[in-house]
Amino acid sequence: MDKKRGMSPIVATVLIVMLTIAGVAAIASFVIPFIKKNLESGSECKDYEDYFVFDESYRYNCYTGSGNNTVYGFSVKAKADTKSYQNLKGFVIVLRANDGTSKSYEIVNGSQAGEIKTCGKTKVELPYSGGIKTYGFRKENIVSAIIQTKLKSGKICKEADKIDFYRCEYSIGETLKTC
């Protein structure tokens, strides 16, 4: 009769432990960088969500005229934080019409933003850190707007602020017509 010798229980246990460690190491080399990357991108907007907000102090968040001659205006204030300003590309304005449709515009320094322009300028300008800029556009039936910060990485942060447009006072309305 042949004497068959099996593997000793100690060797079997050591092999199982080594296979388990190798498996955990292989999984960890994928999972840890994946989680770290997603945590970083998920918190990327934390300091910038409310960097740009609508400013009510000048009362330009309104419209004047009617039909094709309707001129809308809105003022945007930037947070007074020059360090954060370096990581920003600009902001996105989403205009909502009274029929429920919406259209978004990216506002980046020195660019053309479709119908939206900085009042008195040919190209769009961002408000400087702590500053305010007023923008105007000609469109029909817009009822509200939201603003979202856009980072240099391309990420668009969640809604920071919202306004509902109202009819301008006469003197402000006349000023908006120059936008």
Protein backbone atom coordinates (compact mmCIF):
# COMPACT_ATOMS: atom_id res chain seq x y z
CA MET A 1 0.00 0.00 0.00
CA ASP A 2 1.29 3.43 -0.91
CA LYS A 3 1.77 5.91 1.80
CA LYS A 4 0.21 9.11 0.65
CA ARG A 5 1.22 12.17 2.49
CA GLY A 6 -1.02 15.21 2.49
CA MET A 7 -0.09 18.77 3.15
CA SER A 8 0.48 19.56 6.76
CA PRO A 9 -2.18 21.74 8.43
CA ILE A 10 0.44 24.39 9.22
CA VAL A 11 1.50 24.76 5.58
CA ALA A 12 -2.15 24.88 4.47
CA THR A 13 -2.91 27.61 7.00
CA VAL A 14 0.11 29.68 5.95
CA LEU A 15 -0.90 29.39 2.28
CA ILE A 16 -4.47 30.48 3.03
CA VAL A 17 -3.23 33.46 5.03
CA MET A 18 -0.83 34.45 2.22
CA LEU A 19 -3.57 34.17 -0.41
CA THR A 20 -5.88 36.31 1.74
CA ILE A 21 -3.21 38.99 2.22
CA ALA A 22 -2.45 39.01 -1.53
CA GLY A 23 -6.17 39.35 -2.32
CA VAL A 24 -6.66 42.19 0.16
CA ALA A 25 -3.59 44.00 -1.22
CA ALA A 26 -4.84 43.66 -4.80
CA ILE A 27 -8.30 44.97 -3.90
CA ALA A 28 -6.90 47.79 -1.76
CA SER A 29 -4.62 48.98 -4.58
CA PHE A 30 -7.75 49.65 -6.64
CA VAL A 31 -10.32 50.65 -4.00
CA ILE A 32 -8.26 53.17 -1.98
CA PRO A 33 -7.28 55.42 -4.96
CA PHE A 34 -10.84 55.16 -6.32
CA ILE A 35 -12.39 56.29 -3.04
CA LYS A 36 -9.77 59.02 -2.53
CA LYS A 37 -10.38 60.43 -6.02
CA ASN A 38 -14.16 60.46 -5.56
CA LEU A 39 -13.93 62.07 -2.12
CA GLU A 40 -11.70 64.84 -3.48
CA SER A 41 -13.93 65.60 -6.45
CA GLY A 42 -17.04 65.39 -4.28
CA SER A 43 -15.75 68.03 -1.90
CA GLU A 44 -14.14 70.21 -4.60
CA CYS A 45 -17.04 72.69 -4.53
CA LYS A 46 -17.24 72.97 -0.75
CA ASP A 47 -15.44 76.32 -0.55
CA TYR A 48 -16.86 77.76 -3.80
CA GLU A 49 -20.59 77.01 -3.88
CA ASP A 50 -21.62 80.47 -2.75
CA TYR A 51 -18.67 82.41 -4.21
CA PHE A 52 -20.98 84.18 -6.68
CA VAL A 53 -24.45 85.31 -5.55
CA PHE A 54 -27.06 87.72 -6.86
CA ASP A 55 -26.75 91.15 -5.29
CA GLU A 56 -29.93 93.01 -4.38
CA SER A 57 -28.35 96.28 -3.21
CA TYR A 58 -28.56 97.98 -6.64
CA ARG A 59 -32.05 96.58 -7.43
CA TYR A 60 -31.00 95.60 -10.98
CA ASN A 61 -32.45 92.09 -10.79
CA CYS A 62 -35.43 93.15 -12.88
CA TYR A 63 -36.74 93.74 -16.41
CA THR A 64 -38.07 96.65 -18.42
CA GLY A 65 -39.94 96.83 -21.70
CA SER A 66 -42.11 94.15 -23.24
CA GLY A 67 -42.10 91.59 -26.05
CA ASN A 68 -38.96 91.68 -28.19
CA ASN A 69 -37.86 94.88 -26.44
CA THR A 70 -37.66 93.31 -22.97
CA VAL A 71 -34.32 93.98 -21.28
CA TYR A 72 -33.40 91.98 -18.17
CA GLY A 73 -30.66 92.80 -15.72
CA PHE A 74 -29.03 91.11 -12.77
CA SER A 75 -26.15 91.97 -10.46
CA VAL A 76 -23.64 89.39 -9.26
CA LYS A 77 -21.45 89.79 -6.20
CA ALA A 78 -18.21 87.86 -5.69
CA LYS A 79 -17.02 86.76 -2.26
CA ALA A 80 -14.06 88.76 -0.95
CA ASP A 81 -11.52 85.94 -1.19
CA THR A 82 -8.65 86.44 -3.63
CA LYS A 83 -7.11 83.03 -2.88
CA SER A 84 -10.25 81.19 -3.98
CA TYR A 85 -10.61 83.44 -7.05
CA GLN A 86 -7.57 81.77 -8.63
CA ASN A 87 -9.39 78.40 -8.77
CA LEU A 88 -12.50 79.77 -10.49
CA LYS A 89 -13.30 79.76 -14.17
CA GLY A 90 -16.49 81.79 -13.82
CA PHE A 91 -20.15 81.06 -13.23
CA VAL A 92 -23.16 79.62 -15.00
CA ILE A 93 -26.48 81.45 -15.23
CA VAL A 94 -29.57 79.35 -15.88
CA LEU A 95 -32.53 81.39 -17.12
CA ARG A 96 -35.99 79.89 -16.70
CA ALA A 97 -38.86 81.00 -18.92
CA ASN A 98 -42.51 81.14 -17.88
CA ASP A 99 -43.24 78.02 -19.98
CA GLY A 100 -40.83 75.98 -17.81
CA THR A 101 -37.97 75.78 -20.31
CA SER A 102 -34.50 76.90 -19.33
CA LYS A 103 -31.20 77.82 -20.97
CA SER A 104 -27.78 78.13 -19.37
CA TYR A 105 -24.96 80.55 -20.14
CA GLU A 106 -21.34 80.26 -19.06
CA ILE A 107 -19.88 83.56 -17.90
CA VAL A 108 -16.07 83.60 -18.19
CA ASN A 109 -13.82 86.67 -18.16
CA GLY A 110 -13.29 88.13 -21.62
CA SER A 111 -15.69 85.77 -23.39
CA GLN A 112 -18.86 86.22 -25.38
CA ALA A 113 -21.77 84.72 -23.44
CA GLY A 114 -24.46 84.71 -26.10
CA GLU A 115 -27.13 87.25 -25.27
CA ILE A 116 -25.67 88.11 -21.85
CA LYS A 117 -23.13 90.89 -21.52
CA THR A 118 -21.61 93.04 -18.83
CA CYS A 119 -23.44 96.37 -18.94
CA GLY A 120 -21.36 98.95 -20.80
CA LYS A 121 -18.86 96.36 -22.13
CA THR A 122 -18.56 94.34 -25.32
CA LYS A 123 -17.16 91.25 -23.57
CA VAL A 124 -18.19 89.61 -20.34
CA GLU A 125 -16.27 90.49 -17.17
CA LEU A 126 -16.42 88.66 -13.86
CA PRO A 127 -16.81 90.66 -10.68
CA TYR A 128 -13.44 90.98 -8.95
CA SER A 129 -13.03 89.55 -5.47
CA GLY A 130 -15.52 91.37 -3.24
CA GLY A 131 -16.94 93.30 -6.22
CA ILE A 132 -20.25 93.52 -8.05
CA LYS A 133 -20.98 93.48 -11.80
CA THR A 134 -24.31 94.08 -13.51
CA TYR A 135 -25.25 92.07 -16.60
CA GLY A 136 -28.01 92.55 -19.12
CA PHE A 137 -29.70 90.55 -21.84
CA ARG A 138 -32.63 90.85 -24.20
CA LYS A 139 -35.06 87.96 -24.14
CA GLU A 140 -38.76 87.28 -23.70
CA ASN A 141 -40.72 85.71 -20.85
CA ILE A 142 -37.90 85.00 -18.39
CA VAL A 143 -39.19 84.60 -14.83
CA SER A 144 -36.15 83.54 -12.80
CA ALA A 145 -32.45 82.77 -12.82
CA ILE A 146 -30.07 80.63 -10.82
CA ILE A 147 -26.31 81.02 -10.49
CA GLN A 148 -23.75 78.24 -10.12
CA THR A 149 -19.98 78.59 -9.65
CA LYS A 150 -17.76 76.94 -12.28
CA LEU A 151 -14.26 75.84 -11.27
CA LYS A 152 -11.15 75.72 -13.48
CA SER A 153 -11.37 71.93 -13.29
CA GLY A 154 -14.65 72.22 -15.25
CA LYS A 155 -16.84 71.19 -12.33
CA ILE A 156 -20.07 73.16 -11.94
CA CYS A 157 -21.12 73.50 -8.32
CA LYS A 158 -24.72 73.25 -7.14
CA GLU A 159 -27.09 76.21 -7.21
CA ALA A 160 -25.73 79.05 -5.07
CA ASP A 161 -28.53 81.57 -5.40
CA LYS A 162 -31.82 82.23 -7.21
CA ILE A 163 -33.73 85.35 -8.20
CA ASP A 164 -37.19 86.01 -9.55
CA PHE A 165 -37.30 88.92 -12.01
CA TYR A 166 -39.71 91.78 -11.35
CA ARG A 167 -40.55 94.92 -13.31
CA CYS A 168 -37.89 97.61 -12.77
CA GLU A 169 -38.48 101.00 -11.27
CA TYR A 170 -38.49 103.60 -14.04
CA SER A 171 -35.00 105.09 -13.44
CA ILE A 172 -33.32 101.68 -13.16
CA GLY A 173 -35.24 100.43 -16.20
CA GLU A 174 -33.97 103.31 -18.30
CA THR A 175 -30.39 102.53 -17.20
CA LEU A 176 -30.84 98.84 -18.13
CA LYS A 177 -31.80 99.74 -21.68
CA THR A 178 -28.12 100.61 -22.28
CA CYS A 179 -27.10 97.01 -21.51
